[in-house]
Amino acid sequence: MAHPETIADGLRSPRPGALTFPVVQRFVERIILVSDGEIRAAVKFLLLQLKILVEPSGAVPAAALLAGKLPPEIQSIGVVLSGGNVDFEELVKY
């Protein structure tokens, strides 16, 4: 099975994990999708505005928030930002 093409290389799994998928099925209410462009914008925002370097996979939650993709009924949220594994040559293209 081919890996999906995405800037978020840490999320390129061709299929759900045998251990994690049952957890997702049980506890996740909805999944929000973001584009590579939204991920790039989030990485750039986090670096330039907050002065923190976050790898694309770790910036996905922030991308959803910054792109306004959260449902309006959500009143408060915690966002986990993780990882600093960023290729400098790719970063300068953002």
PDB file of N, CA and C in Angstrom:
ATOM      1  N   MET A   1       0.847  -1.178   0.000  1.00  0.00           N
ATOM      2  CA  MET A   1       0.000   0.000   0.000  1.00  0.00           C
ATOM      3  C   MET A   1       0.893   1.242   0.000  1.00  0.00           C
ATOM      4  N   ALA A   2       0.589   2.217  -0.843  1.00  0.00           N
ATOM      5  CA  ALA A   2       1.389   3.430  -0.982  1.00  0.00           C
ATOM      6  C   ALA A   2       1.140   4.393   0.175  1.00  0.00           C
ATOM      7  N   HIS A   3       2.191   5.122   0.533  1.00  0.00           N
ATOM      8  CA  HIS A   3       2.058   6.151   1.562  1.00  0.00           C
ATOM      9  C   HIS A   3       1.465   7.410   0.934  1.00  0.00           C
ATOM     10  N   PRO A   4       0.547   8.067   1.620  1.00  0.00           N
ATOM     11  CA  PRO A   4      -0.039   9.301   1.094  1.00  0.00           C
ATOM     12  C   PRO A   4       1.032  10.387   0.939  1.00  0.00           C
ATOM     13  N   GLU A   5       0.880  11.240  -0.056  1.00  0.00           N
ATOM     14  CA  GLU A   5       1.791  12.369  -0.243  1.00  0.00           C
ATOM     15  C   GLU A   5       1.316  13.524   0.626  1.00  0.00           C
ATOM     16  N   THR A   6       2.179  13.962   1.512  1.00  0.00           N
ATOM     17  CA  THR A   6       1.854  15.095   2.373  1.00  0.00           C
ATOM     18  C   THR A   6       3.130  15.659   2.973  1.00  0.00           C
ATOM     19  N   ILE A   7       3.092  16.929   3.300  1.00  0.00           N
ATOM     20  CA  ILE A   7       4.213  17.569   3.976  1.00  0.00           C
ATOM     21  C   ILE A   7       4.353  17.039   5.411  1.00  0.00           C
ATOM     22  N   ALA A   8       3.268  16.519   5.956  1.00  0.00           N
ATOM     23  CA  ALA A   8       3.255  15.981   7.321  1.00  0.00           C
ATOM     24  C   ALA A   8       3.728  14.526   7.282  1.00  0.00           C
ATOM     25  N   ASP A   9       5.029  14.348   7.091  1.00  0.00           N
ATOM     26  CA  ASP A   9       5.568  13.003   6.881  1.00  0.00           C
ATOM     27  C   ASP A   9       5.359  12.070   8.062  1.00  0.00           C
ATOM     28  N   GLY A  10       5.204  12.608   9.242  1.00  0.00           N
ATOM     29  CA  GLY A  10       4.943  11.773  10.414  1.00  0.00           C
ATOM     30  C   GLY A  10       3.544  11.180  10.433  1.00  0.00           C
ATOM     31  N   LEU A  11       2.700  11.632   9.512  1.00  0.00           N
ATOM     32  CA  LEU A  11       1.321  11.145   9.445  1.00  0.00           C
ATOM     33  C   LEU A  11       1.063  10.327   8.177  1.00  0.00           C
ATOM     34  N   ARG A  12       2.099   9.878   7.531  1.00  0.00           N
ATOM     35  CA  ARG A  12       1.975   9.177   6.246  1.00  0.00           C
ATOM     36  C   ARG A  12       1.672   7.695   6.360  1.00  0.00           C
ATOM     37  N   SER A  13       0.967   7.299   7.324  1.00  0.00           N
ATOM     38  CA  SER A  13       0.654   5.884   7.486  1.00  0.00           C
ATOM     39  C   SER A  13      -0.311   5.429   6.394  1.00  0.00           C
ATOM     40  N   PRO A  14      -0.028   4.298   5.756  1.00  0.00           N
ATOM     41  CA  PRO A  14      -0.931   3.823   4.701  1.00  0.00           C
ATOM     42  C   PRO A  14      -2.243   3.253   5.242  1.00  0.00           C
ATOM     43  N   ARG A  15      -2.270   2.914   6.531  1.00  0.00           N
ATOM     44  CA  ARG A  15      -3.492   2.387   7.142  1.00  0.00           C
ATOM     45  C   ARG A  15      -3.425   2.614   8.656  1.00  0.00           C
ATOM     46  N   PRO A  16      -4.556   2.587   9.320  1.00  0.00           N
ATOM     47  CA  PRO A  16      -4.565   2.795  10.780  1.00  0.00           C
ATOM     48  C   PRO A  16      -3.769   1.715  11.502  1.00  0.00           C
ATOM     49  N   GLY A  17      -3.182   2.090  12.620  1.00  0.00           N
ATOM     50  CA  GLY A  17      -2.425   1.140  13.428  1.00  0.00           C
ATOM     51  C   GLY A  17      -3.340   0.165  14.159  1.00  0.00           C
ATOM     52  N   ALA A  18      -2.883  -1.056  14.290  1.00  0.00           N
ATOM     53  CA  ALA A  18      -3.685  -2.103  14.943  1.00  0.00           C
ATOM     54  C   ALA A  18      -3.976  -1.771  16.404  1.00  0.00           C
ATOM     55  N   LEU A  19      -3.068  -1.106  17.069  1.00  0.00           N
ATOM     56  CA  LEU A  19      -3.275  -0.765  18.480  1.00  0.00           C
ATOM     57  C   LEU A  19      -4.037   0.551  18.650  1.00  0.00           C
ATOM     58  N   THR A  20      -3.736   1.510  17.779  1.00  0.00           N
ATOM     59  CA  THR A  20      -4.324   2.837  17.972  1.00  0.00           C
ATOM     60  C   THR A  20      -5.717   2.994  17.356  1.00  0.00           C
ATOM     61  N   PHE A  21      -6.017   2.278  16.291  1.00  0.00           N
ATOM     62  CA  PHE A  21      -7.308   2.460  15.634  1.00  0.00           C
ATOM     63  C   PHE A  21      -8.497   2.151  16.548  1.00  0.00           C
ATOM     64  N   PRO A  22      -8.463   1.078  17.343  1.00  0.00           N
ATOM     65  CA  PRO A  22      -9.586   0.849  18.262  1.00  0.00           C
ATOM     66  C   PRO A  22      -9.764   1.991  19.277  1.00  0.00           C
ATOM     67  N   VAL A  23      -8.668   2.620  19.676  1.00  0.00           N
ATOM     68  CA  VAL A  23      -8.762   3.752  20.605  1.00  0.00           C
ATOM     69  C   VAL A  23      -9.451   4.927  19.912  1.00  0.00           C
ATOM     70  N   VAL A  24      -9.068   5.187  18.666  1.00  0.00           N
ATOM     71  CA  VAL A  24      -9.693   6.260  17.899  1.00  0.00           C
ATOM     72  C   VAL A  24     -11.184   5.981  17.712  1.00  0.00           C
ATOM     73  N   GLN A  25     -11.516   4.758  17.353  1.00  0.00           N
ATOM     74  CA  GLN A  25     -12.920   4.410  17.153  1.00  0.00           C
ATOM     75  C   GLN A  25     -13.741   4.645  18.418  1.00  0.00           C
ATOM     76  N   ARG A  26     -13.146   4.383  19.557  1.00  0.00           N
ATOM     77  CA  ARG A  26     -13.883   4.505  20.813  1.00  0.00           C
ATOM     78  C   ARG A  26     -14.002   5.942  21.317  1.00  0.00           C
ATOM     79  N   PHE A  27     -12.930   6.724  21.157  1.00  0.00           N
ATOM     80  CA  PHE A  27     -12.897   8.021  21.825  1.00  0.00           C
ATOM     81  C   PHE A  27     -12.961   9.249  20.910  1.00  0.00           C
ATOM     82  N   VAL A  28     -12.735   9.102  19.620  1.00  0.00           N
ATOM     83  CA  VAL A  28     -12.710  10.267  18.739  1.00  0.00           C
ATOM     84  C   VAL A  28     -14.099  10.502  18.148  1.00  0.00           C
ATOM     85  N   GLU A  29     -14.598  11.698  18.359  1.00  0.00           N
ATOM     86  CA  GLU A  29     -15.939  12.053  17.884  1.00  0.00           C
ATOM     87  C   GLU A  29     -15.931  12.460  16.416  1.00  0.00           C
ATOM     88  N   ARG A  30     -14.908  13.203  16.011  1.00  0.00           N
ATOM     89  CA  ARG A  30     -14.804  13.625  14.615  1.00  0.00           C
ATOM     90  C   ARG A  30     -13.345  13.887  14.267  1.00  0.00           C
ATOM     91  N   ILE A  31     -13.054  13.826  12.990  1.00  0.00           N
ATOM     92  CA  ILE A  31     -11.709  14.101  12.478  1.00  0.00           C
ATOM     93  C   ILE A  31     -11.824  15.288  11.542  1.00  0.00           C
ATOM     94  N   ILE A  32     -10.918  16.231  11.712  1.00  0.00           N
ATOM     95  CA  ILE A  32     -10.896  17.432  10.888  1.00  0.00           C
ATOM     96  C   ILE A  32      -9.688  17.340   9.967  1.00  0.00           C
ATOM     97  N   LEU A  33      -9.899  17.546   8.689  1.00  0.00           N
ATOM     98  CA  LEU A  33      -8.823  17.478   7.712  1.00  0.00           C
ATOM     99  C   LEU A  33      -8.267  18.867   7.419  1.00  0.00           C
ATOM    100  N   VAL A  34      -6.950  18.935   7.216  1.00  0.00           N
ATOM    101  CA  VAL A  34      -6.291  20.176   6.811  1.00  0.00           C
ATOM    102  C   VAL A  34      -5.433  19.897   5.590  1.00  0.00           C
ATOM    103  N   SER A  35      -5.210  20.921   4.802  1.00  0.00           N
ATOM    104  CA  SER A  35      -4.397  20.792   3.597  1.00  0.00           C
ATOM    105  C   SER A  35      -2.923  21.035   3.923  1.00  0.00           C
ATOM    106  N   ASP A  36      -2.063  20.656   2.992  1.00  0.00           N
ATOM    107  CA  ASP A  36      -0.645  20.943   3.164  1.00  0.00           C
ATOM    108  C   ASP A  36      -0.401  22.445   3.247  1.00  0.00           C
ATOM    109  N   GLY A  37      -1.153  23.222   2.477  1.00  0.00           N
ATOM    110  CA  GLY A  37      -1.018  24.680   2.541  1.00  0.00           C
ATOM    111  C   GLY A  37      -1.368  25.224   3.912  1.00  0.00           C
ATOM    112  N   GLU A  38      -2.398  24.680   4.529  1.00  0.00           N
ATOM    113  CA  GLU A  38      -2.790  25.106   5.882  1.00  0.00           C
ATOM    114  C   GLU A  38      -1.741  24.684   6.903  1.00  0.00           C
ATOM    115  N   ILE A  39      -1.133  23.535   6.690  1.00  0.00           N
ATOM    116  CA  ILE A  39      -0.058  23.094   7.596  1.00  0.00           C
ATOM    117  C   ILE A  39       1.147  24.015   7.455  1.00  0.00           C
ATOM    118  N   ARG A  40       1.524  24.334   6.229  1.00  0.00           N
ATOM    119  CA  ARG A  40       2.648  25.262   6.007  1.00  0.00           C
ATOM    120  C   ARG A  40       2.373  26.610   6.666  1.00  0.00           C
ATOM    121  N   ALA A  41       1.174  27.107   6.509  1.00  0.00           N
ATOM    122  CA  ALA A  41       0.809  28.395   7.105  1.00  0.00           C
ATOM    123  C   ALA A  41       0.906  28.334   8.624  1.00  0.00           C
ATOM    124  N   ALA A  42       0.513  27.218   9.215  1.00  0.00           N
ATOM    125  CA  ALA A  42       0.590  27.064  10.669  1.00  0.00           C
ATOM    126  C   ALA A  42       2.040  27.016  11.134  1.00  0.00           C
ATOM    127  N   VAL A  43       2.886  26.263  10.430  1.00  0.00           N
ATOM    128  CA  VAL A  43       4.313  26.194  10.791  1.00  0.00           C
ATOM    129  C   VAL A  43       4.919  27.594  10.723  1.00  0.00           C
ATOM    130  N   LYS A  44       4.601  28.315   9.667  1.00  0.00           N
ATOM    131  CA  LYS A  44       5.126  29.674   9.494  1.00  0.00           C
ATOM    132  C   LYS A  44       4.625  30.602  10.595  1.00  0.00           C
ATOM    133  N   PHE A  45       3.333  30.546  10.895  1.00  0.00           N
ATOM    134  CA  PHE A  45       2.768  31.373  11.962  1.00  0.00           C
ATOM    135  C   PHE A  45       3.439  31.068  13.303  1.00  0.00           C
ATOM    136  N   LEU A  46       3.560  29.787  13.622  1.00  0.00           N
ATOM    137  CA  LEU A  46       4.158  29.401  14.903  1.00  0.00           C
ATOM    138  C   LEU A  46       5.602  29.878  15.016  1.00  0.00           C
ATOM    139  N   LEU A  47       6.331  29.802  13.915  1.00  0.00           N
ATOM    140  CA  LEU A  47       7.728  30.235  13.938  1.00  0.00           C
ATOM    141  C   LEU A  47       7.847  31.752  14.003  1.00  0.00           C
ATOM    142  N   LEU A  48       7.122  32.452  13.159  1.00  0.00           N
ATOM    143  CA  LEU A  48       7.276  33.904  13.086  1.00  0.00           C
ATOM    144  C   LEU A  48       6.564  34.662  14.199  1.00  0.00           C
ATOM    145  N   GLN A  49       5.405  34.178  14.629  1.00  0.00           N
ATOM    146  CA  GLN A  49       4.637  34.906  15.641  1.00  0.00           C
ATOM    147  C   GLN A  49       4.914  34.439  17.068  1.00  0.00           C
ATOM    148  N   LEU A  50       5.068  33.120  17.241  1.00  0.00           N
ATOM    149  CA  LEU A  50       5.275  32.584  18.589  1.00  0.00           C
ATOM    150  C   LEU A  50       6.724  32.195  18.867  1.00  0.00           C
ATOM    151  N   LYS A  51       7.536  32.224  17.817  1.00  0.00           N
ATOM    152  CA  LYS A  51       8.974  31.915  17.927  1.00  0.00           C
ATOM    153  C   LYS A  51       9.232  30.484  18.387  1.00  0.00           C
ATOM    154  N   ILE A  52       8.391  29.559  17.911  1.00  0.00           N
ATOM    155  CA  ILE A  52       8.618  28.144  18.192  1.00  0.00           C
ATOM    156  C   ILE A  52       8.604  27.372  16.874  1.00  0.00           C
ATOM    157  N   LEU A  53       9.553  26.471  16.749  1.00  0.00           N
ATOM    158  CA  LEU A  53       9.646  25.655  15.555  1.00  0.00           C
ATOM    159  C   LEU A  53       8.942  24.329  15.810  1.00  0.00           C
ATOM    160  N   VAL A  54       7.936  24.043  15.007  1.00  0.00           N
ATOM    161  CA  VAL A  54       7.150  22.817  15.144  1.00  0.00           C
ATOM    162  C   VAL A  54       7.152  22.126  13.788  1.00  0.00           C
ATOM    163  N   GLU A  55       7.415  20.839  13.792  1.00  0.00           N
ATOM    164  CA  GLU A  55       7.415  20.107  12.523  1.00  0.00           C
ATOM    165  C   GLU A  55       6.000  20.040  11.950  1.00  0.00           C
ATOM    166  N   PRO A  56       5.884  19.851  10.631  1.00  0.00           N
ATOM    167  CA  PRO A  56       4.560  19.857  10.013  1.00  0.00           C
ATOM    168  C   PRO A  56       3.555  18.903  10.663  1.00  0.00           C
ATOM    169  N   SER A  57       3.950  17.683  10.975  1.00  0.00           N
ATOM    170  CA  SER A  57       3.010  16.740  11.596  1.00  0.00           C
ATOM    171  C   SER A  57       2.523  17.254  12.941  1.00  0.00           C
ATOM    172  N   GLY A  58       3.406  17.888  13.699  1.00  0.00           N
ATOM    173  CA  GLY A  58       3.045  18.421  15.004  1.00  0.00           C
ATOM    174  C   GLY A  58       2.250  19.704  14.936  1.00  0.00           C
ATOM    175  N   ALA A  59       2.247  20.354  13.767  1.00  0.00           N
ATOM    176  CA  ALA A  59       1.518  21.614  13.592  1.00  0.00           C
ATOM    177  C   ALA A  59       0.099  21.401  13.073  1.00  0.00           C
ATOM    178  N   VAL A  60      -0.271  20.169  12.794  1.00  0.00           N
ATOM    179  CA  VAL A  60      -1.605  19.888  12.235  1.00  0.00           C
ATOM    180  C   VAL A  60      -2.737  20.400  13.134  1.00  0.00           C
ATOM    181  N   PRO A  61      -2.695  20.186  14.449  1.00  0.00           N
ATOM    182  CA  PRO A  61      -3.787  20.736  15.279  1.00  0.00           C
ATOM    183  C   PRO A  61      -3.882  22.264  15.193  1.00  0.00           C
ATOM    184  N   ALA A  62      -2.731  22.929  15.177  1.00  0.00           N
ATOM    185  CA  ALA A  62      -2.734  24.390  15.047  1.00  0.00           C
ATOM    186  C   ALA A  62      -3.261  24.806  13.678  1.00  0.00           C
ATOM    187  N   ALA A  63      -2.962  24.032  12.652  1.00  0.00           N
ATOM    188  CA  ALA A  63      -3.461  24.338  11.306  1.00  0.00           C
ATOM    189  C   ALA A  63      -4.981  24.317  11.282  1.00  0.00           C
ATOM    190  N   ALA A  64      -5.573  23.330  11.922  1.00  0.00           N
ATOM    191  CA  ALA A  64      -7.037  23.258  11.971  1.00  0.00           C
ATOM    192  C   ALA A  64      -7.614  24.464  12.705  1.00  0.00           C
ATOM    193  N   LEU A  65      -6.998  24.838  13.792  1.00  0.00           N
ATOM    194  CA  LEU A  65      -7.458  25.986  14.572  1.00  0.00           C
ATOM    195  C   LEU A  65      -7.309  27.288  13.786  1.00  0.00           C
ATOM    196  N   LEU A  66      -6.119  27.507  13.211  1.00  0.00           N
ATOM    197  CA  LEU A  66      -5.855  28.746  12.473  1.00  0.00           C
ATOM    198  C   LEU A  66      -6.690  28.860  11.194  1.00  0.00           C
ATOM    199  N   ALA A  67      -7.036  27.724  10.606  1.00  0.00           N
ATOM    200  CA  ALA A  67      -7.845  27.730   9.379  1.00  0.00           C
ATOM    201  C   ALA A  67      -9.337  27.861   9.675  1.00  0.00           C
ATOM    202  N   GLY A  68      -9.696  27.953  10.956  1.00  0.00           N
ATOM    203  CA  GLY A  68     -11.094  28.119  11.328  1.00  0.00           C
ATOM    204  C   GLY A  68     -11.940  26.887  11.083  1.00  0.00           C
ATOM    205  N   LYS A  69     -11.345  25.722  11.221  1.00  0.00           N
ATOM    206  CA  LYS A  69     -12.057  24.484  10.918  1.00  0.00           C
ATOM    207  C   LYS A  69     -12.717  23.822  12.120  1.00  0.00           C
ATOM    208  N   LEU A  70     -12.564  24.418  13.294  1.00  0.00           N
ATOM    209  CA  LEU A  70     -13.193  23.823  14.465  1.00  0.00           C
ATOM    210  C   LEU A  70     -14.674  24.177  14.488  1.00  0.00           C
ATOM    211  N   PRO A  71     -15.492  23.254  14.905  1.00  0.00           N
ATOM    212  CA  PRO A  71     -16.931  23.528  14.987  1.00  0.00           C
ATOM    213  C   PRO A  71     -17.210  24.684  15.955  1.00  0.00           C
ATOM    214  N   PRO A  72     -18.186  25.513  15.652  1.00  0.00           N
ATOM    215  CA  PRO A  72     -18.457  26.687  16.489  1.00  0.00           C
ATOM    216  C   PRO A  72     -18.890  26.361  17.915  1.00  0.00           C
ATOM    217  N   GLU A  73     -19.409  25.164  18.131  1.00  0.00           N
ATOM    218  CA  GLU A  73     -19.860  24.820  19.484  1.00  0.00           C
ATOM    219  C   GLU A  73     -18.703  24.560  20.454  1.00  0.00           C
ATOM    220  N   ILE A  74     -17.495  24.427  19.958  1.00  0.00           N
ATOM    221  CA  ILE A  74     -16.336  24.212  20.837  1.00  0.00           C
ATOM    222  C   ILE A  74     -15.962  25.541  21.475  1.00  0.00           C
ATOM    223  N   GLN A  75     -16.023  25.596  22.798  1.00  0.00           N
ATOM    224  CA  GLN A  75     -15.769  26.831  23.530  1.00  0.00           C
ATOM    225  C   GLN A  75     -14.335  26.939  24.036  1.00  0.00           C
ATOM    226  N   SER A  76     -13.718  25.799  24.329  1.00  0.00           N
ATOM    227  CA  SER A  76     -12.321  25.829  24.753  1.00  0.00           C
ATOM    228  C   SER A  76     -11.645  24.563  24.237  1.00  0.00           C
ATOM    229  N   ILE A  77     -10.349  24.690  24.015  1.00  0.00           N
ATOM    230  CA  ILE A  77      -9.613  23.566  23.433  1.00  0.00           C
ATOM    231  C   ILE A  77      -8.150  23.659  23.851  1.00  0.00           C
ATOM    232  N   GLY A  78      -7.536  22.523  23.982  1.00  0.00           N
ATOM    233  CA  GLY A  78      -6.097  22.446  24.193  1.00  0.00           C
ATOM    234  C   GLY A  78      -5.469  21.942  22.906  1.00  0.00           C
ATOM    235  N   VAL A  79      -4.372  22.552  22.500  1.00  0.00           N
ATOM    236  CA  VAL A  79      -3.691  22.149  21.269  1.00  0.00           C
ATOM    237  C   VAL A  79      -2.274  21.722  21.618  1.00  0.00           C
ATOM    238  N   VAL A  80      -1.921  20.509  21.238  1.00  0.00           N
ATOM    239  CA  VAL A  80      -0.580  19.989  21.479  1.00  0.00           C
ATOM    240  C   VAL A  80       0.276  20.275  20.255  1.00  0.00           C
ATOM    241  N   LEU A  81       1.402  20.956  20.472  1.00  0.00           N
ATOM    242  CA  LEU A  81       2.371  21.232  19.415  1.00  0.00           C
ATOM    243  C   LEU A  81       3.601  20.391  19.721  1.00  0.00           C
ATOM    244  N   SER A  82       4.090  19.657  18.725  1.00  0.00           N
ATOM    245  CA  SER A  82       5.195  18.759  19.025  1.00  0.00           C
ATOM    246  C   SER A  82       6.163  18.642  17.870  1.00  0.00           C
ATOM    247  N   GLY A  83       7.367  18.249  18.209  1.00  0.00           N
ATOM    248  CA  GLY A  83       8.383  17.915  17.222  1.00  0.00           C
ATOM    249  C   GLY A  83       9.050  19.112  16.589  1.00  0.00           C
ATOM    250  N   GLY A  84      10.339  18.986  16.384  1.00  0.00           N
ATOM    251  CA  GLY A  84      11.111  20.030  15.724  1.00  0.00           C
ATOM    252  C   GLY A  84      11.914  19.466  14.572  1.00  0.00           C
ATOM    253  N   ASN A  85      11.488  18.313  14.058  1.00  0.00           N
ATOM    254  CA  ASN A  85      12.198  17.649  12.969  1.00  0.00           C
ATOM    255  C   ASN A  85      11.784  18.292  11.647  1.00  0.00           C
ATOM    256  N   VAL A  86      12.483  19.374  11.294  1.00  0.00           N
ATOM    257  CA  VAL A  86      12.143  20.124  10.093  1.00  0.00           C
ATOM    258  C   VAL A  86      13.381  20.218   9.210  1.00  0.00           C
ATOM    259  N   ASP A  87      13.232  19.878   7.944  1.00  0.00           N
ATOM    260  CA  ASP A  87      14.295  20.023   6.967  1.00  0.00           C
ATOM    261  C   ASP A  87      14.428  21.504   6.632  1.00  0.00           C
ATOM    262  N   PHE A  88      15.595  22.083   6.896  1.00  0.00           N
ATOM    263  CA  PHE A  88      15.789  23.524   6.691  1.00  0.00           C
ATOM    264  C   PHE A  88      15.511  23.932   5.246  1.00  0.00           C
ATOM    265  N   GLU A  89      15.928  23.116   4.293  1.00  0.00           N
ATOM    266  CA  GLU A  89      15.706  23.438   2.884  1.00  0.00           C
ATOM    267  C   GLU A  89      14.213  23.525   2.566  1.00  0.00           C
ATOM    268  N   GLU A  90      13.411  22.687   3.213  1.00  0.00           N
ATOM    269  CA  GLU A  90      11.963  22.751   3.029  1.00  0.00           C
ATOM    270  C   GLU A  90      11.380  23.939   3.787  1.00  0.00           C
ATOM    271  N   LEU A  91      11.905  24.216   4.958  1.00  0.00           N
ATOM    272  CA  LEU A  91      11.380  25.298   5.795  1.00  0.00           C
ATOM    273  C   LEU A  91      11.475  26.635   5.103  1.00  0.00           C
ATOM    274  N   VAL A  92      12.565  26.903   4.424  1.00  0.00           N
ATOM    275  CA  VAL A  92      12.725  28.208   3.786  1.00  0.00           C
ATOM    276  C   VAL A  92      11.747  28.414   2.634  1.00  0.00           C
ATOM    277  N   LYS A  93      11.104  27.348   2.163  1.00  0.00           N
ATOM    278  CA  LYS A  93      10.111  27.460   1.096  1.00  0.00           C
ATOM    279  C   LYS A  93       8.753  27.917   1.625  1.00  0.00           C
ATOM    280  N   TYR A  94       8.542  27.871   2.945  1.00  0.00           N
ATOM    281  CA  TYR A  94       7.244  28.222   3.527  1.00  0.00           C
ATOM    282  C   TYR A  94       7.015  29.699   3.384  1.00  0.00           C
TER     283      TYR A  94
END
